[in-house]
Amino acid sequence: MTNFITRDIEKKFVKKECENIWTKNCPRCNKLLSFSTKYNLQRSIDSGSLCQGCWNQLMPRIGKRQKTITEEDLKRMCPICKNEVIHTTKWVRDDAIRKNKVCKHCKPIIYPPTKERIEKQRKK
């Protein structure tokens, strides 16, 4: 059964020997792109999607746009003892601030070690 979309696709594009593969050319470099369904092919045509190589050339790398993180960006103060804590990533620092976590020196004061935890440490 064909409808107006698939009829147009069949007119514009060549169906490969394998029945489940549809193709079109990249609008920028004319490289052959393969699609497993007519729907994916039509969506690609409508959006004007490019091949992966052309897409990578057009889109800048995320790392180039990010601000350089300094050691000052990774520091925070412990809420109990007010000692400076340096984290490995900005995400870890933000998570510690959000959850109001304490430093490793204050942790045993707030969360005293249990027998199970002590036994696990001895096994290591």
PDB file of N, CA and C in Angstrom:
ATOM      1  N   MET A   1       0.839  -1.166   0.000  1.00  0.00           N
ATOM      2  CA  MET A   1       0.000   0.000   0.000  1.00  0.00           C
ATOM      3  C   MET A   1       0.894   1.243   0.000  1.00  0.00           C
ATOM      4  N   THR A   2       0.662   2.143  -0.888  1.00  0.00           N
ATOM      5  CA  THR A   2       1.466   3.361  -0.955  1.00  0.00           C
ATOM      6  C   THR A   2       0.575   4.567  -0.728  1.00  0.00           C
ATOM      7  N   ASN A   3       1.129   5.559  -0.070  1.00  0.00           N
ATOM      8  CA  ASN A   3       0.412   6.818   0.083  1.00  0.00           C
ATOM      9  C   ASN A   3       1.200   7.904  -0.624  1.00  0.00           C
ATOM     10  N   PHE A   4       0.782   9.142  -0.507  1.00  0.00           N
ATOM     11  CA  PHE A   4       1.436  10.216  -1.260  1.00  0.00           C
ATOM     12  C   PHE A   4       2.884  10.417  -0.820  1.00  0.00           C
ATOM     13  N   ILE A   5       3.196  10.169   0.452  1.00  0.00           N
ATOM     14  CA  ILE A   5       4.580  10.351   0.918  1.00  0.00           C
ATOM     15  C   ILE A   5       5.483   9.282   0.310  1.00  0.00           C
ATOM     16  N   THR A   6       5.076   8.023   0.421  1.00  0.00           N
ATOM     17  CA  THR A   6       5.937   6.955  -0.090  1.00  0.00           C
ATOM     18  C   THR A   6       6.024   6.989  -1.612  1.00  0.00           C
ATOM     19  N   ARG A   7       4.981   7.423  -2.274  1.00  0.00           N
ATOM     20  CA  ARG A   7       5.021   7.522  -3.728  1.00  0.00           C
ATOM     21  C   ARG A   7       6.061   8.575  -4.148  1.00  0.00           C
ATOM     22  N   ASP A   8       6.056   9.710  -3.450  1.00  0.00           N
ATOM     23  CA  ASP A   8       7.039  10.748  -3.748  1.00  0.00           C
ATOM     24  C   ASP A   8       8.455  10.268  -3.454  1.00  0.00           C
ATOM     25  N   ILE A   9       8.616   9.540  -2.371  1.00  0.00           N
ATOM     26  CA  ILE A   9       9.938   9.031  -2.021  1.00  0.00           C
ATOM     27  C   ILE A   9      10.410   8.058  -3.099  1.00  0.00           C
ATOM     28  N   GLU A  10       9.533   7.185  -3.526  1.00  0.00           N
ATOM     29  CA  GLU A  10       9.911   6.210  -4.545  1.00  0.00           C
ATOM     30  C   GLU A  10      10.286   6.899  -5.851  1.00  0.00           C
ATOM     31  N   LYS A  11       9.670   8.030  -6.147  1.00  0.00           N
ATOM     32  CA  LYS A  11      10.010   8.762  -7.367  1.00  0.00           C
ATOM     33  C   LYS A  11      11.360   9.458  -7.239  1.00  0.00           C
ATOM     34  N   LYS A  12      11.626  10.052  -6.046  1.00  0.00           N
ATOM     35  CA  LYS A  12      12.831  10.860  -5.869  1.00  0.00           C
ATOM     36  C   LYS A  12      14.074  10.038  -5.552  1.00  0.00           C
ATOM     37  N   PHE A  13      13.917   8.937  -4.868  1.00  0.00           N
ATOM     38  CA  PHE A  13      15.072   8.210  -4.365  1.00  0.00           C
ATOM     39  C   PHE A  13      15.055   6.770  -4.840  1.00  0.00           C
ATOM     40  N   VAL A  14      16.245   6.212  -4.899  1.00  0.00           N
ATOM     41  CA  VAL A  14      16.407   4.854  -5.402  1.00  0.00           C
ATOM     42  C   VAL A  14      16.304   3.880  -4.243  1.00  0.00           C
ATOM     43  N   LYS A  15      15.498   2.866  -4.424  1.00  0.00           N
ATOM     44  CA  LYS A  15      15.394   1.820  -3.422  1.00  0.00           C
ATOM     45  C   LYS A  15      16.497   0.810  -3.709  1.00  0.00           C
ATOM     46  N   LYS A  16      17.271   0.444  -2.686  1.00  0.00           N
ATOM     47  CA  LYS A  16      18.373  -0.504  -2.877  1.00  0.00           C
ATOM     48  C   LYS A  16      17.835  -1.907  -3.100  1.00  0.00           C
ATOM     49  N   GLU A  17      18.743  -2.807  -3.412  1.00  0.00           N
ATOM     50  CA  GLU A  17      18.349  -4.199  -3.660  1.00  0.00           C
ATOM     51  C   GLU A  17      17.711  -4.818  -2.419  1.00  0.00           C
ATOM     52  N   CYS A  18      18.220  -4.516  -1.248  1.00  0.00           N
ATOM     53  CA  CYS A  18      17.624  -5.003  -0.015  1.00  0.00           C
ATOM     54  C   CYS A  18      16.352  -4.193   0.225  1.00  0.00           C
ATOM     55  N   GLU A  19      15.276  -4.824   0.542  1.00  0.00           N
ATOM     56  CA  GLU A  19      13.996  -4.141   0.610  1.00  0.00           C
ATOM     57  C   GLU A  19      13.852  -3.208   1.796  1.00  0.00           C
ATOM     58  N   ASN A  20      14.660  -3.369   2.830  1.00  0.00           N
ATOM     59  CA  ASN A  20      14.495  -2.560   4.036  1.00  0.00           C
ATOM     60  C   ASN A  20      15.440  -1.366   4.099  1.00  0.00           C
ATOM     61  N   ILE A  21      16.137  -1.033   3.027  1.00  0.00           N
ATOM     62  CA  ILE A  21      17.085   0.069   3.070  1.00  0.00           C
ATOM     63  C   ILE A  21      16.690   1.128   2.046  1.00  0.00           C
ATOM     64  N   TRP A  22      16.564   2.357   2.516  1.00  0.00           N
ATOM     65  CA  TRP A  22      16.246   3.492   1.649  1.00  0.00           C
ATOM     66  C   TRP A  22      17.413   4.453   1.717  1.00  0.00           C
ATOM     67  N   THR A  23      17.697   5.156   0.626  1.00  0.00           N
ATOM     68  CA  THR A  23      18.877   6.009   0.579  1.00  0.00           C
ATOM     69  C   THR A  23      18.536   7.405   0.078  1.00  0.00           C
ATOM     70  N   LYS A  24      19.399   8.328   0.449  1.00  0.00           N
ATOM     71  CA  LYS A  24      19.373   9.686  -0.100  1.00  0.00           C
ATOM     72  C   LYS A  24      20.793  10.214  -0.034  1.00  0.00           C
ATOM     73  N   ASN A  25      21.051  11.330  -0.680  1.00  0.00           N
ATOM     74  CA  ASN A  25      22.376  11.938  -0.661  1.00  0.00           C
ATOM     75  C   ASN A  25      22.413  13.062   0.360  1.00  0.00           C
ATOM     76  N   CYS A  26      23.569  13.235   0.984  1.00  0.00           N
ATOM     77  CA  CYS A  26      23.771  14.346   1.916  1.00  0.00           C
ATOM     78  C   CYS A  26      23.652  15.643   1.129  1.00  0.00           C
ATOM     79  N   PRO A  27      22.856  16.602   1.585  1.00  0.00           N
ATOM     80  CA  PRO A  27      22.687  17.844   0.838  1.00  0.00           C
ATOM     81  C   PRO A  27      23.964  18.670   0.709  1.00  0.00           C
ATOM     82  N   ARG A  28      24.942  18.428   1.576  1.00  0.00           N
ATOM     83  CA  ARG A  28      26.155  19.246   1.554  1.00  0.00           C
ATOM     84  C   ARG A  28      27.283  18.604   0.742  1.00  0.00           C
ATOM     85  N   CYS A  29      27.557  17.307   1.006  1.00  0.00           N
ATOM     86  CA  CYS A  29      28.710  16.665   0.357  1.00  0.00           C
ATOM     87  C   CYS A  29      28.315  15.582  -0.643  1.00  0.00           C
ATOM     88  N   ASN A  30      27.041  15.301  -0.754  1.00  0.00           N
ATOM     89  CA  ASN A  30      26.517  14.333  -1.716  1.00  0.00           C
ATOM     90  C   ASN A  30      26.891  12.881  -1.363  1.00  0.00           C
ATOM     91  N   LYS A  31      27.217  12.624  -0.108  1.00  0.00           N
ATOM     92  CA  LYS A  31      27.517  11.263   0.342  1.00  0.00           C
ATOM     93  C   LYS A  31      26.202  10.492   0.478  1.00  0.00           C
ATOM     94  N   LEU A  32      26.217   9.202   0.172  1.00  0.00           N
ATOM     95  CA  LEU A  32      25.031   8.369   0.220  1.00  0.00           C
ATOM     96  C   LEU A  32      24.692   8.008   1.669  1.00  0.00           C
ATOM     97  N   LEU A  33      23.464   8.311   2.100  1.00  0.00           N
ATOM     98  CA  LEU A  33      22.993   7.997   3.443  1.00  0.00           C
ATOM     99  C   LEU A  33      21.937   6.910   3.356  1.00  0.00           C
ATOM    100  N   SER A  34      21.961   5.946   4.271  1.00  0.00           N
ATOM    101  CA  SER A  34      21.023   4.819   4.254  1.00  0.00           C
ATOM    102  C   SER A  34      20.050   4.926   5.415  1.00  0.00           C
ATOM    103  N   PHE A  35      18.808   4.524   5.179  1.00  0.00           N
ATOM    104  CA  PHE A  35      17.764   4.543   6.198  1.00  0.00           C
ATOM    105  C   PHE A  35      17.029   3.217   6.175  1.00  0.00           C
ATOM    106  N   SER A  36      16.606   2.757   7.354  1.00  0.00           N
ATOM    107  CA  SER A  36      15.958   1.448   7.434  1.00  0.00           C
ATOM    108  C   SER A  36      14.466   1.506   7.143  1.00  0.00           C
ATOM    109  N   THR A  37      13.838   2.691   7.290  1.00  0.00           N
ATOM    110  CA  THR A  37      12.406   2.806   7.017  1.00  0.00           C
ATOM    111  C   THR A  37      12.128   4.032   6.153  1.00  0.00           C
ATOM    112  N   LYS A  38      11.001   4.013   5.494  1.00  0.00           N
ATOM    113  CA  LYS A  38      10.588   5.160   4.680  1.00  0.00           C
ATOM    114  C   LYS A  38      10.328   6.367   5.574  1.00  0.00           C
ATOM    115  N   TYR A  39       9.810   6.107   6.763  1.00  0.00           N
ATOM    116  CA  TYR A  39       9.526   7.201   7.686  1.00  0.00           C
ATOM    117  C   TYR A  39      10.810   7.941   8.065  1.00  0.00           C
ATOM    118  N   ASN A  40      11.871   7.204   8.389  1.00  0.00           N
ATOM    119  CA  ASN A  40      13.154   7.842   8.740  1.00  0.00           C
ATOM    120  C   ASN A  40      13.709   8.629   7.558  1.00  0.00           C
ATOM    121  N   LEU A  41      13.553   8.093   6.372  1.00  0.00           N
ATOM    122  CA  LEU A  41      14.004   8.800   5.170  1.00  0.00           C
ATOM    123  C   LEU A  41      13.225  10.097   4.999  1.00  0.00           C
ATOM    124  N   GLN A  42      11.919  10.045   5.145  1.00  0.00           N
ATOM    125  CA  GLN A  42      11.102  11.245   4.976  1.00  0.00           C
ATOM    126  C   GLN A  42      11.422  12.285   6.042  1.00  0.00           C
ATOM    127  N   ARG A  43      11.628  11.834   7.264  1.00  0.00           N
ATOM    128  CA  ARG A  43      11.990  12.755   8.346  1.00  0.00           C
ATOM    129  C   ARG A  43      13.331  13.426   8.066  1.00  0.00           C
ATOM    130  N   SER A  44      14.260  12.677   7.501  1.00  0.00           N
ATOM    131  CA  SER A  44      15.570  13.211   7.147  1.00  0.00           C
ATOM    132  C   SER A  44      15.450  14.246   6.031  1.00  0.00           C
ATOM    133  N   ILE A  45      14.585  13.972   5.077  1.00  0.00           N
ATOM    134  CA  ILE A  45      14.373  14.917   3.968  1.00  0.00           C
ATOM    135  C   ILE A  45      13.739  16.201   4.493  1.00  0.00           C
ATOM    136  N   ASP A  46      12.719  16.067   5.337  1.00  0.00           N
ATOM    137  CA  ASP A  46      12.019  17.230   5.875  1.00  0.00           C
ATOM    138  C   ASP A  46      12.931  18.114   6.721  1.00  0.00           C
ATOM    139  N   SER A  47      13.793  17.496   7.513  1.00  0.00           N
ATOM    140  CA  SER A  47      14.667  18.277   8.389  1.00  0.00           C
ATOM    141  C   SER A  47      15.962  18.701   7.696  1.00  0.00           C
ATOM    142  N   GLY A  48      16.237  18.154   6.524  1.00  0.00           N
ATOM    143  CA  GLY A  48      17.470  18.500   5.814  1.00  0.00           C
ATOM    144  C   GLY A  48      18.703  18.006   6.535  1.00  0.00           C
ATOM    145  N   SER A  49      18.626  16.817   7.120  1.00  0.00           N
ATOM    146  CA  SER A  49      19.740  16.322   7.917  1.00  0.00           C
ATOM    147  C   SER A  49      20.961  16.014   7.050  1.00  0.00           C
ATOM    148  N   LEU A  50      22.124  16.166   7.680  1.00  0.00           N
ATOM    149  CA  LEU A  50      23.407  15.982   7.008  1.00  0.00           C
ATOM    150  C   LEU A  50      24.030  14.653   7.441  1.00  0.00           C
ATOM    151  N   CYS A  51      25.086  14.245   6.727  1.00  0.00           N
ATOM    152  CA  CYS A  51      25.843  13.071   7.152  1.00  0.00           C
ATOM    153  C   CYS A  51      26.640  13.443   8.406  1.00  0.00           C
ATOM    154  N   GLN A  52      27.169  12.442   9.091  1.00  0.00           N
ATOM    155  CA  GLN A  52      27.882  12.677  10.350  1.00  0.00           C
ATOM    156  C   GLN A  52      29.111  13.551  10.154  1.00  0.00           C
ATOM    157  N   GLY A  53      29.823  13.379   9.047  1.00  0.00           N
ATOM    158  CA  GLY A  53      31.018  14.183   8.793  1.00  0.00           C
ATOM    159  C   GLY A  53      30.694  15.659   8.632  1.00  0.00           C
ATOM    160  N   CYS A  54      29.660  15.972   7.855  1.00  0.00           N
ATOM    161  CA  CYS A  54      29.263  17.376   7.668  1.00  0.00           C
ATOM    162  C   CYS A  54      28.731  17.968   8.969  1.00  0.00           C
ATOM    163  N   TRP A  55      27.987  17.178   9.719  1.00  0.00           N
ATOM    164  CA  TRP A  55      27.438  17.651  10.987  1.00  0.00           C
ATOM    165  C   TRP A  55      28.562  18.013  11.952  1.00  0.00           C
ATOM    166  N   ASN A  56      29.603  17.173  12.032  1.00  0.00           N
ATOM    167  CA  ASN A  56      30.717  17.445  12.934  1.00  0.00           C
ATOM    168  C   ASN A  56      31.481  18.699  12.527  1.00  0.00           C
ATOM    169  N   GLN A  57      31.565  18.979  11.225  1.00  0.00           N
ATOM    170  CA  GLN A  57      32.261  20.188  10.765  1.00  0.00           C
ATOM    171  C   GLN A  57      31.475  21.442  11.107  1.00  0.00           C
ATOM    172  N   LEU A  58      30.155  21.363  11.036  1.00  0.00           N
ATOM    173  CA  LEU A  58      29.329  22.547  11.288  1.00  0.00           C
ATOM    174  C   LEU A  58      29.160  22.859  12.766  1.00  0.00           C
ATOM    175  N   MET A  59      29.048  21.831  13.595  1.00  0.00           N
ATOM    176  CA  MET A  59      28.793  22.042  15.015  1.00  0.00           C
ATOM    177  C   MET A  59      30.107  22.151  15.776  1.00  0.00           C
ATOM    178  N   PRO A  60      30.297  23.211  16.552  1.00  0.00           N
ATOM    179  CA  PRO A  60      31.520  23.326  17.335  1.00  0.00           C
ATOM    180  C   PRO A  60      31.532  22.321  18.477  1.00  0.00           C
ATOM    181  N   ARG A  61      32.702  21.940  18.884  1.00  0.00           N
ATOM    182  CA  ARG A  61      32.852  20.985  19.978  1.00  0.00           C
ATOM    183  C   ARG A  61      32.388  21.627  21.278  1.00  0.00           C
ATOM    184  N   ILE A  62      31.767  20.838  22.129  1.00  0.00           N
ATOM    185  CA  ILE A  62      31.244  21.345  23.391  1.00  0.00           C
ATOM    186  C   ILE A  62      32.385  21.817  24.294  1.00  0.00           C
ATOM    187  N   GLY A  63      33.484  21.086  24.318  1.00  0.00           N
ATOM    188  CA  GLY A  63      34.604  21.435  25.187  1.00  0.00           C
ATOM    189  C   GLY A  63      35.202  22.793  24.877  1.00  0.00           C
ATOM    190  N   LYS A  64      35.138  23.233  23.635  1.00  0.00           N
ATOM    191  CA  LYS A  64      35.702  24.527  23.274  1.00  0.00           C
ATOM    192  C   LYS A  64      34.872  25.679  23.827  1.00  0.00           C
ATOM    193  N   ARG A  65      33.569  25.433  24.017  1.00  0.00           N
ATOM    194  CA  ARG A  65      32.699  26.493  24.496  1.00  0.00           C
ATOM    195  C   ARG A  65      32.660  26.578  26.012  1.00  0.00           C
ATOM    196  N   GLN A  66      33.120  25.546  26.695  1.00  0.00           N
ATOM    197  CA  GLN A  66      33.040  25.544  28.142  1.00  0.00           C
ATOM    198  C   GLN A  66      34.098  26.446  28.755  1.00  0.00           C
ATOM    199  N   LYS A  67      33.737  27.049  29.883  1.00  0.00           N
ATOM    200  CA  LYS A  67      34.666  27.897  30.618  1.00  0.00           C
ATOM    201  C   LYS A  67      35.747  27.021  31.247  1.00  0.00           C
ATOM    202  N   THR A  68      36.951  27.491  31.268  1.00  0.00           N
ATOM    203  CA  THR A  68      38.034  26.760  31.911  1.00  0.00           C
ATOM    204  C   THR A  68      37.804  26.784  33.415  1.00  0.00           C
ATOM    205  N   ILE A  69      37.861  25.618  34.037  1.00  0.00           N
ATOM    206  CA  ILE A  69      37.595  25.508  35.469  1.00  0.00           C
ATOM    207  C   ILE A  69      38.907  25.642  36.222  1.00  0.00           C
ATOM    208  N   THR A  70      38.940  26.564  37.156  1.00  0.00           N
ATOM    209  CA  THR A  70      40.135  26.782  37.973  1.00  0.00           C
ATOM    210  C   THR A  70      39.974  26.061  39.306  1.00  0.00           C
ATOM    211  N   GLU A  71      41.041  26.056  40.095  1.00  0.00           N
ATOM    212  CA  GLU A  71      40.982  25.408  41.399  1.00  0.00           C
ATOM    213  C   GLU A  71      40.005  26.123  42.325  1.00  0.00           C
ATOM    214  N   GLU A  72      39.850  27.419  42.144  1.00  0.00           N
ATOM    215  CA  GLU A  72      38.908  28.194  42.962  1.00  0.00           C
ATOM    216  C   GLU A  72      37.468  27.746  42.729  1.00  0.00           C
ATOM    217  N   ASP A  73      37.168  27.297  41.503  1.00  0.00           N
ATOM    218  CA  ASP A  73      35.818  26.825  41.189  1.00  0.00           C
ATOM    219  C   ASP A  73      35.502  25.498  41.871  1.00  0.00           C
ATOM    220  N   LEU A  74      36.522  24.780  42.301  1.00  0.00           N
ATOM    221  CA  LEU A  74      36.322  23.463  42.904  1.00  0.00           C
ATOM    222  C   LEU A  74      36.354  23.489  44.427  1.00  0.00           C
ATOM    223  N   LYS A  75      36.507  24.671  45.017  1.00  0.00           N
ATOM    224  CA  LYS A  75      36.611  24.780  46.478  1.00  0.00           C
ATOM    225  C   LYS A  75      35.266  25.135  47.098  1.00  0.00           C
ATOM    226  N   ARG A  76      35.103  24.678  48.348  1.00  0.00           N
ATOM    227  CA  ARG A  76      33.961  25.070  49.176  1.00  0.00           C
ATOM    228  C   ARG A  76      34.363  24.924  50.630  1.00  0.00           C
ATOM    229  N   MET A  77      33.521  25.429  51.527  1.00  0.00           N
ATOM    230  CA  MET A  77      33.797  25.357  52.954  1.00  0.00           C
ATOM    231  C   MET A  77      32.924  24.292  53.592  1.00  0.00           C
ATOM    232  N   CYS A  78      33.493  23.521  54.511  1.00  0.00           N
ATOM    233  CA  CYS A  78      32.726  22.532  55.266  1.00  0.00           C
ATOM    234  C   CYS A  78      31.750  23.280  56.172  1.00  0.00           C
ATOM    235  N   PRO A  79      30.484  22.884  56.207  1.00  0.00           N
ATOM    236  CA  PRO A  79      29.504  23.623  57.019  1.00  0.00           C
ATOM    237  C   PRO A  79      29.726  23.504  58.531  1.00  0.00           C
ATOM    238  N   ILE A  80      30.494  22.506  58.989  1.00  0.00           N
ATOM    239  CA  ILE A  80      30.691  22.333  60.436  1.00  0.00           C
ATOM    240  C   ILE A  80      31.999  22.968  60.901  1.00  0.00           C
ATOM    241  N   CYS A  81      33.120  22.533  60.328  1.00  0.00           N
ATOM    242  CA  CYS A  81      34.423  22.986  60.828  1.00  0.00           C
ATOM    243  C   CYS A  81      34.984  24.173  60.043  1.00  0.00           C
ATOM    244  N   LYS A  82      34.333  24.550  58.966  1.00  0.00           N
ATOM    245  CA  LYS A  82      34.752  25.686  58.119  1.00  0.00           C
ATOM    246  C   LYS A  82      36.110  25.489  57.460  1.00  0.00           C
ATOM    247  N   ASN A  83      36.548  24.234  57.334  1.00  0.00           N
ATOM    248  CA  ASN A  83      37.773  23.946  56.597  1.00  0.00           C
ATOM    249  C   ASN A  83      37.485  23.988  55.103  1.00  0.00           C
ATOM    250  N   GLU A  84      38.500  24.297  54.341  1.00  0.00           N
ATOM    251  CA  GLU A  84      38.353  24.341  52.891  1.00  0.00           C
ATOM    252  C   GLU A  84      38.407  22.919  52.319  1.00  0.00           C
ATOM    253  N   VAL A  85      37.456  22.597  51.457  1.00  0.00           N
ATOM    254  CA  VAL A  85      37.393  21.289  50.816  1.00  0.00           C
ATOM    255  C   VAL A  85      37.565  21.499  49.315  1.00  0.00           C
ATOM    256  N   ILE A  86      38.466  20.740  48.687  1.00  0.00           N
ATOM    257  CA  ILE A  86      38.688  20.847  47.241  1.00  0.00           C
ATOM    258  C   ILE A  86      38.148  19.581  46.596  1.00  0.00           C
ATOM    259  N   HIS A  87      37.256  19.770  45.617  1.00  0.00           N
ATOM    260  CA  HIS A  87      36.629  18.642  44.938  1.00  0.00           C
ATOM    261  C   HIS A  87      37.305  18.376  43.593  1.00  0.00           C
ATOM    262  N   THR A  88      37.038  17.198  43.034  1.00  0.00           N
ATOM    263  CA  THR A  88      37.672  16.818  41.769  1.00  0.00           C
ATOM    264  C   THR A  88      36.967  17.428  40.560  1.00  0.00           C
ATOM    265  N   THR A  89      35.639  17.583  40.634  1.00  0.00           N
ATOM    266  CA  THR A  89      34.890  18.176  39.522  1.00  0.00           C
ATOM    267  C   THR A  89      33.901  19.201  40.063  1.00  0.00           C
ATOM    268  N   LYS A  90      33.457  20.064  39.175  1.00  0.00           N
ATOM    269  CA  LYS A  90      32.496  21.086  39.564  1.00  0.00           C
ATOM    270  C   LYS A  90      31.164  20.448  39.931  1.00  0.00           C
ATOM    271  N   TRP A  91      30.803  19.361  39.237  1.00  0.00           N
ATOM    272  CA  TRP A  91      29.544  18.682  39.527  1.00  0.00           C
ATOM    273  C   TRP A  91      29.547  18.128  40.948  1.00  0.00           C
ATOM    274  N   VAL A  92      30.661  17.537  41.372  1.00  0.00           N
ATOM    275  CA  VAL A  92      30.759  16.980  42.725  1.00  0.00           C
ATOM    276  C   VAL A  92      30.663  18.098  43.755  1.00  0.00           C
ATOM    277  N   ARG A  93      31.311  19.230  43.477  1.00  0.00           N
ATOM    278  CA  ARG A  93      31.237  20.368  44.394  1.00  0.00           C
ATOM    279  C   ARG A  93      29.803  20.891  44.519  1.00  0.00           C
ATOM    280  N   ASP A  94      29.116  21.056  43.384  1.00  0.00           N
ATOM    281  CA  ASP A  94      27.740  21.544  43.401  1.00  0.00           C
ATOM    282  C   ASP A  94      26.821  20.579  44.138  1.00  0.00           C
ATOM    283  N   ASP A  95      27.049  19.278  43.957  1.00  0.00           N
ATOM    284  CA  ASP A  95      26.247  18.270  44.640  1.00  0.00           C
ATOM    285  C   ASP A  95      26.478  18.346  46.148  1.00  0.00           C
ATOM    286  N   ALA A  96      27.724  18.538  46.568  1.00  0.00           N
ATOM    287  CA  ALA A  96      28.044  18.629  47.993  1.00  0.00           C
ATOM    288  C   ALA A  96      27.413  19.877  48.613  1.00  0.00           C
ATOM    289  N   ILE A  97      27.406  20.977  47.879  1.00  0.00           N
ATOM    290  CA  ILE A  97      26.777  22.206  48.371  1.00  0.00           C
ATOM    291  C   ILE A  97      25.270  22.000  48.494  1.00  0.00           C
ATOM    292  N   ARG A  98      24.674  21.408  47.473  1.00  0.00           N
ATOM    293  CA  ARG A  98      23.225  21.203  47.450  1.00  0.00           C
ATOM    294  C   ARG A  98      22.777  20.279  48.595  1.00  0.00           C
ATOM    295  N   LYS A  99      23.566  19.236  48.882  1.00  0.00           N
ATOM    296  CA  LYS A  99      23.202  18.278  49.929  1.00  0.00           C
ATOM    297  C   LYS A  99      23.811  18.628  51.286  1.00  0.00           C
ATOM    298  N   ASN A 100      24.528  19.739  51.351  1.00  0.00           N
ATOM    299  CA  ASN A 100      25.149  20.226  52.580  1.00  0.00           C
ATOM    300  C   ASN A 100      26.030  19.148  53.214  1.00  0.00           C
ATOM    301  N   LYS A 101      26.911  18.560  52.411  1.00  0.00           N
ATOM    302  CA  LYS A 101      27.786  17.485  52.888  1.00  0.00           C
ATOM    303  C   LYS A 101      28.950  18.052  53.694  1.00  0.00           C
ATOM    304  N   VAL A 102      29.445  17.241  54.609  1.00  0.00           N
ATOM    305  CA  VAL A 102      30.551  17.653  55.463  1.00  0.00           C
ATOM    306  C   VAL A 102      31.864  17.095  54.914  1.00  0.00           C
ATOM    307  N   CYS A 103      32.979  17.569  55.448  1.00  0.00           N
ATOM    308  CA  CYS A 103      34.286  17.087  54.995  1.00  0.00           C
ATOM    309  C   CYS A 103      34.580  15.717  55.596  1.00  0.00           C
ATOM    310  N   LYS A 104      35.656  15.091  55.144  1.00  0.00           N
ATOM    311  CA  LYS A 104      35.964  13.732  55.607  1.00  0.00           C
ATOM    312  C   LYS A 104      36.398  13.713  57.076  1.00  0.00           C
ATOM    313  N   HIS A 105      36.833  14.855  57.614  1.00  0.00           N
ATOM    314  CA  HIS A 105      37.230  14.906  59.020  1.00  0.00           C
ATOM    315  C   HIS A 105      36.010  15.006  59.938  1.00  0.00           C
ATOM    316  N   CYS A 106      34.945  15.634  59.470  1.00  0.00           N
ATOM    317  CA  CYS A 106      33.730  15.780  60.280  1.00  0.00           C
ATOM    318  C   CYS A 106      32.777  14.608  60.125  1.00  0.00           C
ATOM    319  N   LYS A 107      32.942  13.825  59.090  1.00  0.00           N
ATOM    320  CA  LYS A 107      32.021  12.715  58.832  1.00  0.00           C
ATOM    321  C   LYS A 107      31.962  11.710  59.982  1.00  0.00           C
ATOM    322  N   PRO A 108      33.108  11.276  60.572  1.00  0.00           N
ATOM    323  CA  PRO A 108      33.017  10.330  61.695  1.00  0.00           C
ATOM    324  C   PRO A 108      32.321  10.918  62.922  1.00  0.00           C
ATOM    325  N   ILE A 109      32.330  12.236  63.059  1.00  0.00           N
ATOM    326  CA  ILE A 109      31.663  12.873  64.200  1.00  0.00           C
ATOM    327  C   ILE A 109      30.147  12.771  64.036  1.00  0.00           C
ATOM    328  N   ILE A 110      29.662  13.040  62.837  1.00  0.00           N
ATOM    329  CA  ILE A 110      28.223  13.020  62.580  1.00  0.00           C
ATOM    330  C   ILE A 110      27.719  11.603  62.386  1.00  0.00           C
ATOM    331  N   TYR A 111      28.482  10.805  61.632  1.00  0.00           N
ATOM    332  CA  TYR A 111      28.101   9.419  61.364  1.00  0.00           C
ATOM    333  C   TYR A 111      29.130   8.502  62.003  1.00  0.00           C
ATOM    334  N   PRO A 112      28.955   8.134  63.265  1.00  0.00           N
ATOM    335  CA  PRO A 112      29.952   7.284  63.916  1.00  0.00           C
ATOM    336  C   PRO A 112      30.057   5.927  63.226  1.00  0.00           C
ATOM    337  N   PRO A 113      31.255   5.387  63.159  1.00  0.00           N
ATOM    338  CA  PRO A 113      31.425   4.108  62.462  1.00  0.00           C
ATOM    339  C   PRO A 113      30.707   2.970  63.186  1.00  0.00           C
ATOM    340  N   THR A 114      30.064   2.139  62.399  1.00  0.00           N
ATOM    341  CA  THR A 114      29.380   0.971  62.951  1.00  0.00           C
ATOM    342  C   THR A 114      30.339  -0.222  62.942  1.00  0.00           C
ATOM    343  N   LYS A 115      29.944  -1.289  63.614  1.00  0.00           N
ATOM    344  CA  LYS A 115      30.787  -2.489  63.648  1.00  0.00           C
ATOM    345  C   LYS A 115      30.961  -3.073  62.246  1.00  0.00           C
ATOM    346  N   GLU A 116      29.886  -3.048  61.467  1.00  0.00           N
ATOM    347  CA  GLU A 116      29.962  -3.601  60.109  1.00  0.00           C
ATOM    348  C   GLU A 116      30.944  -2.817  59.243  1.00  0.00           C
ATOM    349  N   ARG A 117      30.891  -1.485  59.365  1.00  0.00           N
ATOM    350  CA  ARG A 117      31.786  -0.650  58.573  1.00  0.00           C
ATOM    351  C   ARG A 117      33.240  -0.874  58.980  1.00  0.00           C
ATOM    352  N   ILE A 118      33.480  -1.015  60.274  1.00  0.00           N
ATOM    353  CA  ILE A 118      34.846  -1.256  60.745  1.00  0.00           C
ATOM    354  C   ILE A 118      35.364  -2.602  60.232  1.00  0.00           C
ATOM    355  N   GLU A 119      34.508  -3.632  60.246  1.00  0.00           N
ATOM    356  CA  GLU A 119      34.905  -4.946  59.744  1.00  0.00           C
ATOM    357  C   GLU A 119      35.202  -4.907  58.244  1.00  0.00           C
ATOM    358  N   LYS A 120      34.428  -4.148  57.482  1.00  0.00           N
ATOM    359  CA  LYS A 120      34.685  -4.017  56.041  1.00  0.00           C
ATOM    360  C   LYS A 120      36.034  -3.359  55.805  1.00  0.00           C
ATOM    361  N   GLN A 121      36.364  -2.342  56.600  1.00  0.00           N
ATOM    362  CA  GLN A 121      37.636  -1.654  56.431  1.00  0.00           C
ATOM    363  C   GLN A 121      38.805  -2.565  56.784  1.00  0.00           C
ATOM    364  N   ARG A 122      38.633  -3.416  57.757  1.00  0.00           N
ATOM    365  CA  ARG A 122      39.706  -4.348  58.149  1.00  0.00           C
ATOM    366  C   ARG A 122      39.948  -5.395  57.071  1.00  0.00           C
ATOM    367  N   LYS A 123      38.882  -5.812  56.369  1.00  0.00           N
ATOM    368  CA  LYS A 123      39.017  -6.811  55.312  1.00  0.00           C
ATOM    369  C   LYS A 123      39.775  -6.266  54.116  1.00  0.00           C
ATOM    370  N   LYS A 124      39.682  -4.985  53.876  1.00  0.00           N
ATOM    371  CA  LYS A 124      40.380  -4.361  52.744  1.00  0.00           C
ATOM    372  C   LYS A 124      41.821  -4.290  53.048  1.00  0.00           C
TER     373      LYS A 124
END
